[in-house]
Amino acid sequence: MLLLMLFVVFVVATGPGLWFWGRSLGRGSWRHSAGWCAGSAALLIVATGFVYLAGALSGASLDPEEACHARGQRYDYPYVDAHFEETSRWFPLRNPCDAGYDLVPAWVNPALVALPVLAVVCLAFSVRLAVTRRRRAKQGAEPTS
């Protein structure tokens, strides 16, 4: 339910941007648009924030034992106490019930690596397109003798 709510907020917050993004993607004009690549990087950063929020709030309860029991897992107090430092880190996100089960979905931490990397790639491609376009414009503006 939480993921559905986060998805709805994400779509409402980025809906117009997603529409323009998809339109350019469908027409194939993205290959020559530095703005499209920069916009994609921005969307990837927003998606990273929502993924982090989804991971941080997974099993969100004032009582972690209750969250574990709600998912059909036992709560291992000695294990959680011994690994408390892991649960308080910013990355990787962990919220273990025991040694074999984590409340944070398995896809969250890889997505938290992949999305910013893709954003950097998009920004680099955007800069490359902008520099190429500027060079071509400068070469076209020079008089030929």
N, C-alpha and C. Protein backbone atom coordinates (compact mmCIF):
# COMPACT_ATOMS: atom_id res chain seq x y z
N MET A 1 0.81 -1.19 0.00
CA MET A 1 0.00 0.00 0.00
C MET A 1 0.87 1.26 0.00
N LEU A 2 1.93 1.21 0.78
CA LEU A 2 2.84 2.35 0.85
C LEU A 2 3.48 2.61 -0.50
N LEU A 3 3.91 1.55 -1.18
CA LEU A 3 4.53 1.73 -2.48
C LEU A 3 3.55 2.31 -3.49
N LEU A 4 2.30 1.91 -3.41
CA LEU A 4 1.28 2.45 -4.29
C LEU A 4 1.09 3.94 -4.04
N MET A 5 1.05 4.33 -2.77
CA MET A 5 0.92 5.75 -2.45
C MET A 5 2.13 6.55 -2.93
N LEU A 6 3.33 6.00 -2.75
CA LEU A 6 4.52 6.68 -3.24
C LEU A 6 4.51 6.80 -4.76
N PHE A 7 4.03 5.77 -5.43
CA PHE A 7 3.95 5.80 -6.89
C PHE A 7 2.97 6.88 -7.35
N VAL A 8 1.82 7.00 -6.69
CA VAL A 8 0.84 8.02 -7.06
C VAL A 8 1.42 9.40 -6.85
N VAL A 9 2.09 9.64 -5.73
CA VAL A 9 2.71 10.94 -5.47
C VAL A 9 3.78 11.21 -6.53
N PHE A 10 4.55 10.20 -6.89
CA PHE A 10 5.60 10.36 -7.91
C PHE A 10 4.98 10.75 -9.24
N VAL A 11 3.90 10.09 -9.64
CA VAL A 11 3.27 10.38 -10.93
C VAL A 11 2.66 11.77 -10.93
N VAL A 12 2.02 12.18 -9.84
CA VAL A 12 1.43 13.51 -9.76
C VAL A 12 2.52 14.58 -9.79
N ALA A 13 3.60 14.34 -9.06
CA ALA A 13 4.68 15.33 -8.99
C ALA A 13 5.44 15.45 -10.30
N THR A 14 5.56 14.36 -11.01
CA THR A 14 6.37 14.38 -12.23
C THR A 14 5.57 14.07 -13.48
N GLY A 15 4.25 14.07 -13.37
CA GLY A 15 3.38 13.72 -14.50
C GLY A 15 3.66 14.49 -15.78
N PRO A 16 3.63 15.85 -15.75
CA PRO A 16 3.90 16.59 -16.98
C PRO A 16 5.29 16.30 -17.55
N GLY A 17 6.26 16.21 -16.67
CA GLY A 17 7.61 15.89 -17.15
C GLY A 17 7.68 14.52 -17.78
N LEU A 18 6.99 13.56 -17.17
CA LEU A 18 6.95 12.21 -17.75
C LEU A 18 6.25 12.20 -19.10
N TRP A 19 5.21 13.02 -19.25
CA TRP A 19 4.50 13.07 -20.53
C TRP A 19 5.41 13.60 -21.63
N PHE A 20 6.09 14.73 -21.38
CA PHE A 20 7.01 15.28 -22.38
C PHE A 20 8.17 14.33 -22.64
N TRP A 21 8.64 13.69 -21.58
CA TRP A 21 9.74 12.73 -21.72
C TRP A 21 9.33 11.57 -22.62
N GLY A 22 8.16 11.02 -22.38
CA GLY A 22 7.67 9.90 -23.19
C GLY A 22 7.40 10.29 -24.62
N ARG A 23 6.89 11.52 -24.83
CA ARG A 23 6.62 11.98 -26.19
C ARG A 23 7.91 12.07 -27.00
N SER A 24 8.95 12.64 -26.40
CA SER A 24 10.24 12.73 -27.10
C SER A 24 10.85 11.35 -27.32
N LEU A 25 10.66 10.48 -26.37
CA LEU A 25 11.17 9.12 -26.50
C LEU A 25 10.49 8.41 -27.66
N GLY A 26 9.19 8.57 -27.77
CA GLY A 26 8.43 7.92 -28.84
C GLY A 26 8.79 8.45 -30.22
N ARG A 27 9.06 9.74 -30.33
CA ARG A 27 9.40 10.32 -31.63
C ARG A 27 10.86 10.10 -32.00
N GLY A 28 11.68 9.73 -31.06
CA GLY A 28 13.10 9.51 -31.33
C GLY A 28 13.93 10.78 -31.31
N SER A 29 13.33 11.90 -30.91
CA SER A 29 14.08 13.16 -30.89
C SER A 29 15.02 13.26 -29.70
N TRP A 30 14.98 12.30 -28.79
CA TRP A 30 15.82 12.32 -27.61
C TRP A 30 17.30 12.19 -27.96
N ARG A 31 17.59 11.57 -29.10
CA ARG A 31 18.99 11.35 -29.47
C ARG A 31 19.75 12.65 -29.72
N HIS A 32 19.00 13.72 -29.99
CA HIS A 32 19.64 14.98 -30.35
C HIS A 32 19.27 16.10 -29.39
N SER A 33 18.66 15.77 -28.27
CA SER A 33 18.18 16.79 -27.35
C SER A 33 18.92 16.74 -26.01
N ALA A 34 19.73 17.76 -25.79
CA ALA A 34 20.44 17.85 -24.51
C ALA A 34 19.45 18.08 -23.37
N GLY A 35 18.39 18.81 -23.64
CA GLY A 35 17.38 19.06 -22.62
C GLY A 35 16.66 17.79 -22.19
N TRP A 36 16.41 16.89 -23.15
CA TRP A 36 15.74 15.64 -22.82
C TRP A 36 16.64 14.81 -21.90
N CYS A 37 17.91 14.77 -22.19
CA CYS A 37 18.83 14.00 -21.35
C CYS A 37 18.97 14.61 -19.96
N ALA A 38 19.01 15.93 -19.89
CA ALA A 38 19.08 16.59 -18.59
C ALA A 38 17.79 16.37 -17.80
N GLY A 39 16.66 16.41 -18.49
CA GLY A 39 15.38 16.13 -17.84
C GLY A 39 15.31 14.70 -17.34
N SER A 40 15.87 13.78 -18.13
CA SER A 40 15.90 12.38 -17.71
C SER A 40 16.74 12.23 -16.45
N ALA A 41 17.84 12.95 -16.39
CA ALA A 41 18.68 12.89 -15.19
C ALA A 41 17.90 13.42 -13.98
N ALA A 42 17.14 14.48 -14.17
CA ALA A 42 16.34 15.02 -13.06
C ALA A 42 15.28 14.01 -12.62
N LEU A 43 14.63 13.36 -13.58
CA LEU A 43 13.63 12.34 -13.23
C LEU A 43 14.27 11.17 -12.50
N LEU A 44 15.47 10.80 -12.89
CA LEU A 44 16.17 9.70 -12.22
C LEU A 44 16.54 10.07 -10.78
N ILE A 45 16.90 11.32 -10.56
CA ILE A 45 17.22 11.77 -9.21
C ILE A 45 15.96 11.77 -8.34
N VAL A 46 14.84 12.23 -8.90
CA VAL A 46 13.58 12.19 -8.16
C VAL A 46 13.19 10.76 -7.85
N ALA A 47 13.37 9.87 -8.83
CA ALA A 47 13.07 8.45 -8.61
C ALA A 47 13.96 7.87 -7.52
N THR A 48 15.21 8.29 -7.47
CA THR A 48 16.12 7.84 -6.42
C THR A 48 15.60 8.24 -5.05
N GLY A 49 15.10 9.46 -4.95
CA GLY A 49 14.54 9.92 -3.69
C GLY A 49 13.33 9.10 -3.26
N PHE A 50 12.47 8.77 -4.21
CA PHE A 50 11.30 7.96 -3.87
C PHE A 50 11.68 6.53 -3.52
N VAL A 51 12.68 5.99 -4.19
CA VAL A 51 13.14 4.63 -3.85
C VAL A 51 13.74 4.62 -2.45
N TYR A 52 14.53 5.65 -2.14
CA TYR A 52 15.11 5.73 -0.80
C TYR A 52 14.01 5.83 0.25
N LEU A 53 13.01 6.65 -0.03
CA LEU A 53 11.90 6.79 0.90
C LEU A 53 11.15 5.47 1.07
N ALA A 54 10.93 4.77 -0.03
CA ALA A 54 10.24 3.48 0.05
C ALA A 54 11.05 2.48 0.87
N GLY A 55 12.37 2.49 0.71
CA GLY A 55 13.21 1.58 1.48
C GLY A 55 13.29 1.96 2.94
N ALA A 56 13.40 3.26 3.20
CA ALA A 56 13.52 3.71 4.59
C ALA A 56 12.22 3.49 5.36
N LEU A 57 11.10 3.56 4.66
CA LEU A 57 9.81 3.38 5.33
C LEU A 57 9.28 1.96 5.26
N SER A 58 10.03 1.07 4.66
CA SER A 58 9.56 -0.31 4.59
C SER A 58 9.54 -0.90 6.00
N GLY A 59 8.43 -1.45 6.34
CA GLY A 59 8.28 -1.97 7.69
C GLY A 59 8.18 -0.86 8.71
N ALA A 60 7.80 0.33 8.23
CA ALA A 60 7.75 1.49 9.12
C ALA A 60 6.73 1.25 10.22
N SER A 61 7.23 1.14 11.37
CA SER A 61 6.39 0.92 12.54
C SER A 61 7.20 1.33 13.74
N LEU A 62 6.52 1.79 14.74
CA LEU A 62 7.25 2.12 15.96
C LEU A 62 7.75 0.85 16.63
N ASP A 63 7.14 -0.27 16.29
CA ASP A 63 7.53 -1.55 16.86
C ASP A 63 8.02 -2.46 15.74
N PRO A 64 9.34 -2.60 15.55
CA PRO A 64 9.84 -3.44 14.47
C PRO A 64 9.43 -4.90 14.64
N GLU A 65 9.27 -5.33 15.86
CA GLU A 65 8.84 -6.70 16.09
C GLU A 65 7.45 -6.93 15.47
N GLU A 66 6.58 -5.95 15.63
CA GLU A 66 5.24 -6.04 15.06
C GLU A 66 5.29 -6.11 13.54
N ALA A 67 6.17 -5.30 12.93
CA ALA A 67 6.30 -5.32 11.47
C ALA A 67 6.80 -6.67 10.98
N CYS A 68 7.71 -7.28 11.72
CA CYS A 68 8.22 -8.60 11.34
C CYS A 68 7.12 -9.66 11.47
N HIS A 69 6.40 -9.61 12.55
CA HIS A 69 5.32 -10.58 12.75
C HIS A 69 4.22 -10.40 11.70
N ALA A 70 3.98 -9.16 11.28
CA ALA A 70 2.97 -8.90 10.24
C ALA A 70 3.37 -9.54 8.92
N ARG A 71 4.66 -9.72 8.71
CA ARG A 71 5.13 -10.37 7.48
C ARG A 71 5.41 -11.85 7.67
N GLY A 72 5.04 -12.37 8.80
CA GLY A 72 5.20 -13.80 9.04
C GLY A 72 6.60 -14.22 9.42
N GLN A 73 7.39 -13.30 9.96
CA GLN A 73 8.77 -13.59 10.35
C GLN A 73 8.92 -13.43 11.85
N ARG A 74 9.86 -14.17 12.40
CA ARG A 74 10.13 -14.00 13.82
C ARG A 74 11.15 -12.87 13.99
N TYR A 75 11.09 -12.21 15.12
CA TYR A 75 12.00 -11.11 15.43
C TYR A 75 13.08 -11.63 16.37
N ASP A 76 14.31 -11.60 15.92
CA ASP A 76 15.44 -12.14 16.67
C ASP A 76 16.15 -10.98 17.40
N TYR A 77 15.81 -10.77 18.66
CA TYR A 77 16.37 -9.66 19.44
C TYR A 77 17.89 -9.69 19.52
N PRO A 78 18.52 -10.83 19.82
CA PRO A 78 19.99 -10.83 19.89
C PRO A 78 20.65 -10.44 18.56
N TYR A 79 20.10 -10.94 17.45
CA TYR A 79 20.69 -10.62 16.14
C TYR A 79 20.54 -9.12 15.85
N VAL A 80 19.36 -8.58 16.06
CA VAL A 80 19.12 -7.16 15.78
C VAL A 80 19.98 -6.28 16.69
N ASP A 81 20.11 -6.65 17.96
CA ASP A 81 20.95 -5.87 18.88
C ASP A 81 22.42 -5.92 18.47
N ALA A 82 22.86 -7.08 18.00
CA ALA A 82 24.27 -7.22 17.59
C ALA A 82 24.56 -6.46 16.30
N HIS A 83 23.55 -6.23 15.46
CA HIS A 83 23.74 -5.56 14.18
C HIS A 83 23.01 -4.22 14.14
N PHE A 84 22.92 -3.55 15.26
CA PHE A 84 22.20 -2.28 15.34
C PHE A 84 22.83 -1.22 14.44
N GLU A 85 24.16 -1.20 14.34
CA GLU A 85 24.83 -0.19 13.52
C GLU A 85 24.41 -0.28 12.06
N GLU A 86 24.15 -1.49 11.58
CA GLU A 86 23.73 -1.66 10.18
C GLU A 86 22.38 -1.01 9.92
N THR A 87 21.51 -1.04 10.90
CA THR A 87 20.18 -0.49 10.70
C THR A 87 20.16 1.03 10.78
N SER A 88 21.18 1.63 11.35
CA SER A 88 21.20 3.09 11.49
C SER A 88 22.01 3.79 10.40
N ARG A 89 22.55 3.05 9.44
CA ARG A 89 23.32 3.65 8.34
C ARG A 89 22.38 4.25 7.30
N TRP A 90 22.92 5.20 6.55
CA TRP A 90 22.16 5.78 5.44
C TRP A 90 22.13 4.84 4.25
N PHE A 91 23.23 4.12 4.05
CA PHE A 91 23.31 3.18 2.93
C PHE A 91 24.28 2.08 3.32
N PRO A 92 24.02 0.86 3.01
CA PRO A 92 22.81 0.29 2.44
C PRO A 92 21.70 0.24 3.48
N LEU A 93 20.49 0.34 3.00
CA LEU A 93 19.33 0.31 3.89
C LEU A 93 19.10 -1.12 4.38
N ARG A 94 18.94 -1.26 5.68
CA ARG A 94 18.65 -2.57 6.28
C ARG A 94 17.68 -2.38 7.42
N ASN A 95 16.79 -3.33 7.56
CA ASN A 95 15.87 -3.37 8.69
C ASN A 95 15.57 -4.85 8.94
N PRO A 96 16.54 -5.56 9.54
CA PRO A 96 16.40 -7.01 9.64
C PRO A 96 15.44 -7.46 10.74
N CYS A 97 14.79 -8.57 10.47
CA CYS A 97 14.01 -9.27 11.50
C CYS A 97 14.90 -10.32 12.15
N ASP A 98 15.69 -10.98 11.32
CA ASP A 98 16.65 -11.98 11.78
C ASP A 98 17.74 -12.08 10.72
N ALA A 99 18.59 -13.06 10.83
CA ALA A 99 19.71 -13.19 9.89
C ALA A 99 19.25 -13.49 8.46
N GLY A 100 18.06 -14.02 8.30
CA GLY A 100 17.62 -14.43 6.97
C GLY A 100 16.55 -13.58 6.34
N TYR A 101 16.04 -12.56 7.04
CA TYR A 101 14.95 -11.76 6.48
C TYR A 101 15.15 -10.30 6.80
N ASP A 102 14.99 -9.49 5.78
CA ASP A 102 15.13 -8.05 5.91
C ASP A 102 13.82 -7.40 5.45
N LEU A 103 13.34 -6.43 6.19
CA LEU A 103 12.11 -5.73 5.82
C LEU A 103 12.29 -4.85 4.59
N VAL A 104 13.52 -4.40 4.33
CA VAL A 104 13.79 -3.59 3.15
C VAL A 104 13.80 -4.52 1.94
N PRO A 105 12.99 -4.22 0.92
CA PRO A 105 12.95 -5.09 -0.26
C PRO A 105 14.33 -5.21 -0.92
N ALA A 106 14.57 -6.35 -1.53
CA ALA A 106 15.87 -6.64 -2.13
C ALA A 106 16.22 -5.70 -3.28
N TRP A 107 15.25 -5.12 -3.95
CA TRP A 107 15.51 -4.27 -5.11
C TRP A 107 15.92 -2.85 -4.72
N VAL A 108 15.73 -2.45 -3.48
CA VAL A 108 15.95 -1.05 -3.09
C VAL A 108 17.43 -0.66 -3.19
N ASN A 109 18.33 -1.41 -2.57
CA ASN A 109 19.74 -1.01 -2.56
C ASN A 109 20.37 -1.03 -3.95
N PRO A 110 20.11 -2.04 -4.81
CA PRO A 110 20.64 -1.94 -6.17
C PRO A 110 20.08 -0.75 -6.94
N ALA A 111 18.81 -0.43 -6.72
CA ALA A 111 18.22 0.73 -7.40
C ALA A 111 18.86 2.02 -6.91
N LEU A 112 19.24 2.06 -5.63
CA LEU A 112 19.88 3.26 -5.09
C LEU A 112 21.28 3.46 -5.65
N VAL A 113 21.83 2.45 -6.25
CA VAL A 113 23.12 2.58 -6.93
C VAL A 113 22.90 2.88 -8.41
N ALA A 114 22.00 2.14 -9.03
CA ALA A 114 21.80 2.23 -10.48
C ALA A 114 21.19 3.57 -10.90
N LEU A 115 20.20 4.07 -10.20
CA LEU A 115 19.53 5.30 -10.62
C LEU A 115 20.45 6.52 -10.63
N PRO A 116 21.25 6.77 -9.58
CA PRO A 116 22.17 7.92 -9.69
C PRO A 116 23.25 7.72 -10.76
N VAL A 117 23.70 6.48 -10.95
CA VAL A 117 24.69 6.24 -12.01
C VAL A 117 24.08 6.58 -13.37
N LEU A 118 22.85 6.15 -13.60
CA LEU A 118 22.17 6.48 -14.86
C LEU A 118 21.97 7.98 -14.99
N ALA A 119 21.70 8.66 -13.89
CA ALA A 119 21.54 10.12 -13.92
C ALA A 119 22.84 10.79 -14.34
N VAL A 120 23.95 10.33 -13.82
CA VAL A 120 25.25 10.90 -14.20
C VAL A 120 25.54 10.63 -15.68
N VAL A 121 25.22 9.44 -16.14
CA VAL A 121 25.41 9.12 -17.56
C VAL A 121 24.56 10.04 -18.43
N CYS A 122 23.31 10.25 -18.03
CA CYS A 122 22.43 11.15 -18.79
C CYS A 122 22.98 12.58 -18.80
N LEU A 123 23.47 13.05 -17.65
CA LEU A 123 24.04 14.39 -17.61
C LEU A 123 25.27 14.51 -18.49
N ALA A 124 26.11 13.49 -18.47
CA ALA A 124 27.31 13.51 -19.31
C ALA A 124 26.93 13.53 -20.80
N PHE A 125 25.93 12.73 -21.16
CA PHE A 125 25.47 12.71 -22.55
C PHE A 125 24.84 14.05 -22.91
N SER A 126 24.16 14.67 -21.98
CA SER A 126 23.56 15.98 -22.22
C SER A 126 24.63 17.03 -22.48
N VAL A 127 25.67 17.01 -21.68
CA VAL A 127 26.78 17.96 -21.88
C VAL A 127 27.45 17.71 -23.22
N ARG A 128 27.64 16.45 -23.56
CA ARG A 128 28.25 16.11 -24.85
C ARG A 128 27.40 16.63 -26.01
N LEU A 129 26.10 16.45 -25.94
CA LEU A 129 25.22 16.95 -27.00
C LEU A 129 25.25 18.47 -27.09
N ALA A 130 25.26 19.14 -25.94
CA ALA A 130 25.28 20.60 -25.93
C ALA A 130 26.59 21.13 -26.52
N VAL A 131 27.71 20.52 -26.15
CA VAL A 131 29.00 20.96 -26.68
C VAL A 131 29.07 20.70 -28.18
N THR A 132 28.60 19.56 -28.63
CA THR A 132 28.60 19.24 -30.06
C THR A 132 27.74 20.23 -30.84
N ARG A 133 26.56 20.54 -30.30
CA ARG A 133 25.67 21.49 -30.98
C ARG A 133 26.31 22.88 -31.04
N ARG A 134 26.97 23.30 -29.96
CA ARG A 134 27.60 24.62 -29.95
C ARG A 134 28.75 24.68 -30.96
N ARG A 135 29.54 23.61 -31.04
CA ARG A 135 30.65 23.58 -32.03
C ARG A 135 30.12 23.65 -33.45
N ARG A 136 29.05 22.90 -33.72
CA ARG A 136 28.47 22.93 -35.07
C ARG A 136 27.90 24.30 -35.40
N ALA A 137 27.28 24.95 -34.43
CA ALA A 137 26.72 26.27 -34.66
C ALA A 137 27.84 27.27 -34.90
N LYS A 138 28.92 27.14 -34.14
CA LYS A 138 30.05 28.06 -34.31
C LYS A 138 30.71 27.84 -35.67
N GLN A 139 30.84 26.60 -36.10
CA GLN A 139 31.45 26.31 -37.41
C GLN A 139 30.55 26.80 -38.53
N GLY A 140 29.26 26.70 -38.36
CA GLY A 140 28.33 27.15 -39.40
C GLY A 140 28.25 28.65 -39.48
N ALA A 141 28.57 29.37 -38.41
CA ALA A 141 28.49 30.83 -38.37
C ALA A 141 29.74 31.48 -38.96
N GLU A 142 30.85 30.75 -39.02
CA GLU A 142 32.07 31.31 -39.56
C GLU A 142 31.97 31.46 -41.07
N PRO A 143 32.38 32.60 -41.60
CA PRO A 143 32.34 32.78 -43.06
C PRO A 143 33.40 31.92 -43.73
N THR A 144 33.07 31.37 -44.86
CA THR A 144 34.02 30.56 -45.62
C THR A 144 34.63 31.42 -46.69
N SER A 145 35.95 31.37 -46.84
CA SER A 145 36.61 32.17 -47.84
C SER A 145 37.18 31.34 -48.94
